[in-house]
Amino acid sequence: MIEGRADGAGLVRRLTEKAQALAKARAAMLAQGKSARRWRQAGLLWPLFGKE
């Protein structure tokens, strides 16, 4: 039998931290006048360059 246990509070905390970091990075990029479009396009191409 396969049994799984999840740390729900830990998962929520990690996701919240990542969301905050992304929001800070986006705000910094917008403050510099840079467009997020370039990074979205790069993200779509990333699987072509290898796996991490």
PDB file of N, CA and C in Angstrom:
ATOM      1  N   MET A   1       0.842  -1.180   0.000  1.00  0.00           N
ATOM      2  CA  MET A   1       0.000   0.000   0.000  1.00  0.00           C
ATOM      3  C   MET A   1       0.884   1.238   0.000  1.00  0.00           C
ATOM      4  N   ILE A   2       0.507   2.198  -0.778  1.00  0.00           N
ATOM      5  CA  ILE A   2       1.255   3.452  -0.849  1.00  0.00           C
ATOM      6  C   ILE A   2       0.592   4.457   0.080  1.00  0.00           C
ATOM      7  N   GLU A   3       1.414   5.053   0.899  1.00  0.00           N
ATOM      8  CA  GLU A   3       0.890   6.041   1.836  1.00  0.00           C
ATOM      9  C   GLU A   3       1.605   7.360   1.612  1.00  0.00           C
ATOM     10  N   GLY A   4       0.871   8.428   1.608  1.00  0.00           N
ATOM     11  CA  GLY A   4       1.482   9.734   1.396  1.00  0.00           C
ATOM     12  C   GLY A   4       1.077  10.701   2.489  1.00  0.00           C
ATOM     13  N   ARG A   5       2.022  11.517   2.854  1.00  0.00           N
ATOM     14  CA  ARG A   5       1.745  12.561   3.844  1.00  0.00           C
ATOM     15  C   ARG A   5       2.293  13.868   3.308  1.00  0.00           C
ATOM     16  N   ALA A   6       1.525  14.894   3.487  1.00  0.00           N
ATOM     17  CA  ALA A   6       1.934  16.194   2.973  1.00  0.00           C
ATOM     18  C   ALA A   6       1.964  17.209   4.107  1.00  0.00           C
ATOM     19  N   ASP A   7       2.965  18.058   4.051  1.00  0.00           N
ATOM     20  CA  ASP A   7       3.073  19.155   5.011  1.00  0.00           C
ATOM     21  C   ASP A   7       2.406  20.363   4.369  1.00  0.00           C
ATOM     22  N   GLY A   8       1.112  20.500   4.597  1.00  0.00           N
ATOM     23  CA  GLY A   8       0.339  21.565   3.958  1.00  0.00           C
ATOM     24  C   GLY A   8       0.816  22.952   4.341  1.00  0.00           C
ATOM     25  N   ALA A   9       1.105  23.162   5.617  1.00  0.00           N
ATOM     26  CA  ALA A   9       1.546  24.485   6.071  1.00  0.00           C
ATOM     27  C   ALA A   9       2.899  24.842   5.465  1.00  0.00           C
ATOM     28  N   GLY A  10       3.793  23.872   5.373  1.00  0.00           N
ATOM     29  CA  GLY A  10       5.115  24.113   4.781  1.00  0.00           C
ATOM     30  C   GLY A  10       5.013  24.439   3.306  1.00  0.00           C
ATOM     31  N   LEU A  11       4.132  23.733   2.624  1.00  0.00           N
ATOM     32  CA  LEU A  11       3.935  23.985   1.196  1.00  0.00           C
ATOM     33  C   LEU A  11       3.387  25.389   0.968  1.00  0.00           C
ATOM     34  N   VAL A  12       2.401  25.765   1.760  1.00  0.00           N
ATOM     35  CA  VAL A  12       1.820  27.107   1.633  1.00  0.00           C
ATOM     36  C   VAL A  12       2.876  28.168   1.914  1.00  0.00           C
ATOM     37  N   ARG A  13       3.713  27.947   2.913  1.00  0.00           N
ATOM     38  CA  ARG A  13       4.774  28.906   3.261  1.00  0.00           C
ATOM     39  C   ARG A  13       5.766  29.057   2.113  1.00  0.00           C
ATOM     40  N   ARG A  14       6.204  27.926   1.529  1.00  0.00           N
ATOM     41  CA  ARG A  14       7.169  27.987   0.427  1.00  0.00           C
ATOM     42  C   ARG A  14       6.571  28.670  -0.801  1.00  0.00           C
ATOM     43  N   LEU A  15       5.321  28.364  -1.108  1.00  0.00           N
ATOM     44  CA  LEU A  15       4.681  29.000  -2.252  1.00  0.00           C
ATOM     45  C   LEU A  15       4.497  30.497  -2.026  1.00  0.00           C
ATOM     46  N   THR A  16       4.173  30.872  -0.796  1.00  0.00           N
ATOM     47  CA  THR A  16       4.029  32.291  -0.468  1.00  0.00           C
ATOM     48  C   THR A  16       5.356  33.016  -0.613  1.00  0.00           C
ATOM     49  N   GLU A  17       6.439  32.399  -0.146  1.00  0.00           N
ATOM     50  CA  GLU A  17       7.772  33.007  -0.272  1.00  0.00           C
ATOM     51  C   GLU A  17       8.154  33.184  -1.735  1.00  0.00           C
ATOM     52  N   LYS A  18       7.874  32.175  -2.554  1.00  0.00           N
ATOM     53  CA  LYS A  18       8.205  32.268  -3.975  1.00  0.00           C
ATOM     54  C   LYS A  18       7.379  33.350  -4.653  1.00  0.00           C
ATOM     55  N   ALA A  19       6.109  33.451  -4.296  1.00  0.00           N
ATOM     56  CA  ALA A  19       5.247  34.481  -4.884  1.00  0.00           C
ATOM     57  C   ALA A  19       5.736  35.875  -4.499  1.00  0.00           C
ATOM     58  N   GLN A  20       6.173  36.030  -3.252  1.00  0.00           N
ATOM     59  CA  GLN A  20       6.691  37.329  -2.817  1.00  0.00           C
ATOM     60  C   GLN A  20       7.974  37.680  -3.564  1.00  0.00           C
ATOM     61  N   ALA A  21       8.849  36.703  -3.760  1.00  0.00           N
ATOM     62  CA  ALA A  21      10.097  36.949  -4.487  1.00  0.00           C
ATOM     63  C   ALA A  21       9.806  37.332  -5.937  1.00  0.00           C
ATOM     64  N   LEU A  22       8.841  36.657  -6.561  1.00  0.00           N
ATOM     65  CA  LEU A  22       8.479  37.002  -7.935  1.00  0.00           C
ATOM     66  C   LEU A  22       7.876  38.400  -8.020  1.00  0.00           C
ATOM     67  N   ALA A  23       7.067  38.753  -7.037  1.00  0.00           N
ATOM     68  CA  ALA A  23       6.459  40.086  -7.032  1.00  0.00           C
ATOM     69  C   ALA A  23       7.529  41.164  -6.882  1.00  0.00           C
ATOM     70  N   LYS A  24       8.515  40.926  -6.028  1.00  0.00           N
ATOM     71  CA  LYS A  24       9.604  41.893  -5.857  1.00  0.00           C
ATOM     72  C   LYS A  24      10.414  42.032  -7.135  1.00  0.00           C
ATOM     73  N   ALA A  25      10.706  40.906  -7.778  1.00  0.00           N
ATOM     74  CA  ALA A  25      11.478  40.940  -9.026  1.00  0.00           C
ATOM     75  C   ALA A  25      10.704  41.671 -10.118  1.00  0.00           C
ATOM     76  N   ARG A  26       9.406  41.431 -10.174  1.00  0.00           N
ATOM     77  CA  ARG A  26       8.584  42.106 -11.189  1.00  0.00           C
ATOM     78  C   ARG A  26       8.524  43.611 -10.932  1.00  0.00           C
ATOM     79  N   ALA A  27       8.379  43.987  -9.667  1.00  0.00           N
ATOM     80  CA  ALA A  27       8.329  45.412  -9.329  1.00  0.00           C
ATOM     81  C   ALA A  27       9.650  46.093  -9.682  1.00  0.00           C
ATOM     82  N   ALA A  28      10.763  45.424  -9.412  1.00  0.00           N
ATOM     83  CA  ALA A  28      12.077  45.989  -9.735  1.00  0.00           C
ATOM     84  C   ALA A  28      12.237  46.133 -11.248  1.00  0.00           C
ATOM     85  N   MET A  29      11.762  45.145 -11.984  1.00  0.00           N
ATOM     86  CA  MET A  29      11.880  45.191 -13.436  1.00  0.00           C
ATOM     87  C   MET A  29      11.026  46.326 -14.001  1.00  0.00           C
ATOM     88  N   LEU A  30       9.810  46.484 -13.471  1.00  0.00           N
ATOM     89  CA  LEU A  30       8.954  47.564 -13.942  1.00  0.00           C
ATOM     90  C   LEU A  30       9.528  48.930 -13.579  1.00  0.00           C
ATOM     91  N   ALA A  31      10.181  49.028 -12.415  1.00  0.00           N
ATOM     92  CA  ALA A  31      10.791  50.289 -11.993  1.00  0.00           C
ATOM     93  C   ALA A  31      11.927  50.687 -12.934  1.00  0.00           C
ATOM     94  N   GLN A  32      12.583  49.698 -13.512  1.00  0.00           N
ATOM     95  CA  GLN A  32      13.679  49.969 -14.457  1.00  0.00           C
ATOM     96  C   GLN A  32      13.163  50.180 -15.874  1.00  0.00           C
ATOM     97  N   GLY A  33      11.859  49.996 -16.058  1.00  0.00           N
ATOM     98  CA  GLY A  33      11.267  50.205 -17.377  1.00  0.00           C
ATOM     99  C   GLY A  33      11.438  49.022 -18.316  1.00  0.00           C
ATOM    100  N   LYS A  34      11.743  47.860 -17.764  1.00  0.00           N
ATOM    101  CA  LYS A  34      11.924  46.674 -18.596  1.00  0.00           C
ATOM    102  C   LYS A  34      10.604  45.920 -18.726  1.00  0.00           C
ATOM    103  N   SER A  35      10.448  45.246 -19.821  1.00  0.00           N
ATOM    104  CA  SER A  35       9.224  44.501 -20.083  1.00  0.00           C
ATOM    105  C   SER A  35       9.368  43.044 -19.647  1.00  0.00           C
ATOM    106  N   ALA A  36       8.311  42.508 -19.053  1.00  0.00           N
ATOM    107  CA  ALA A  36       8.303  41.100 -18.644  1.00  0.00           C
ATOM    108  C   ALA A  36       8.084  40.179 -19.840  1.00  0.00           C
ATOM    109  N   ARG A  37       7.683  40.749 -20.970  1.00  0.00           N
ATOM    110  CA  ARG A  37       7.410  39.941 -22.150  1.00  0.00           C
ATOM    111  C   ARG A  37       8.635  39.130 -22.569  1.00  0.00           C
ATOM    112  N   ARG A  38       9.792  39.749 -22.473  1.00  0.00           N
ATOM    113  CA  ARG A  38      11.038  39.075 -22.875  1.00  0.00           C
ATOM    114  C   ARG A  38      11.249  37.809 -22.043  1.00  0.00           C
ATOM    115  N   TRP A  39      10.980  37.880 -20.747  1.00  0.00           N
ATOM    116  CA  TRP A  39      11.204  36.729 -19.873  1.00  0.00           C
ATOM    117  C   TRP A  39      10.156  35.648 -20.085  1.00  0.00           C
ATOM    118  N   ARG A  40       8.940  36.036 -20.409  1.00  0.00           N
ATOM    119  CA  ARG A  40       7.916  35.032 -20.709  1.00  0.00           C
ATOM    120  C   ARG A  40       8.304  34.265 -21.967  1.00  0.00           C
ATOM    121  N   GLN A  41       8.794  34.977 -22.969  1.00  0.00           N
ATOM    122  CA  GLN A  41       9.208  34.316 -24.204  1.00  0.00           C
ATOM    123  C   GLN A  41      10.405  33.407 -23.951  1.00  0.00           C
ATOM    124  N   ALA A  42      11.346  33.845 -23.138  1.00  0.00           N
ATOM    125  CA  ALA A  42      12.511  33.023 -22.816  1.00  0.00           C
ATOM    126  C   ALA A  42      12.084  31.771 -22.061  1.00  0.00           C
ATOM    127  N   GLY A  43      11.090  31.916 -21.185  1.00  0.00           N
ATOM    128  CA  GLY A  43      10.597  30.765 -20.433  1.00  0.00           C
ATOM    129  C   GLY A  43       9.992  29.701 -21.332  1.00  0.00           C
ATOM    130  N   LEU A  44       9.362  30.132 -22.410  1.00  0.00           N
ATOM    131  CA  LEU A  44       8.787  29.174 -23.344  1.00  0.00           C
ATOM    132  C   LEU A  44       9.867  28.412 -24.106  1.00  0.00           C
ATOM    133  N   LEU A  45      11.008  29.051 -24.328  1.00  0.00           N
ATOM    134  CA  LEU A  45      12.093  28.414 -25.079  1.00  0.00           C
ATOM    135  C   LEU A  45      13.026  27.587 -24.199  1.00  0.00           C
ATOM    136  N   TRP A  46      12.971  27.780 -22.887  1.00  0.00           N
ATOM    137  CA  TRP A  46      13.916  27.125 -21.982  1.00  0.00           C
ATOM    138  C   TRP A  46      13.978  25.611 -22.150  1.00  0.00           C
ATOM    139  N   PRO A  47      12.862  24.896 -22.330  1.00  0.00           N
ATOM    140  CA  PRO A  47      12.954  23.425 -22.482  1.00  0.00           C
ATOM    141  C   PRO A  47      13.793  22.986 -23.679  1.00  0.00           C
ATOM    142  N   LEU A  48      14.002  23.865 -24.632  1.00  0.00           N
ATOM    143  CA  LEU A  48      14.807  23.498 -25.797  1.00  0.00           C
ATOM    144  C   LEU A  48      16.289  23.430 -25.471  1.00  0.00           C
ATOM    145  N   PHE A  49      16.720  24.051 -24.385  1.00  0.00           N
ATOM    146  CA  PHE A  49      18.135  24.146 -24.067  1.00  0.00           C
ATOM    147  C   PHE A  49      18.613  23.130 -23.052  1.00  0.00           C
ATOM    148  N   GLY A  50      17.760  22.307 -22.540  1.00  0.00           N
ATOM    149  CA  GLY A  50      18.186  21.286 -21.592  1.00  0.00           C
ATOM    150  C   GLY A  50      17.263  21.213 -20.399  1.00  0.00           C
ATOM    151  N   LYS A  51      17.508  20.249 -19.580  1.00  0.00           N
ATOM    152  CA  LYS A  51      16.657  20.032 -18.409  1.00  0.00           C
ATOM    153  C   LYS A  51      17.467  20.291 -17.143  1.00  0.00           C
ATOM    154  N   GLU A  52      16.768  20.791 -16.139  1.00  0.00           N
ATOM    155  CA  GLU A  52      17.436  21.035 -14.865  1.00  0.00           C
ATOM    156  C   GLU A  52      16.782  20.245 -13.767  1.00  0.00           C
TER     157      GLU A  52
END
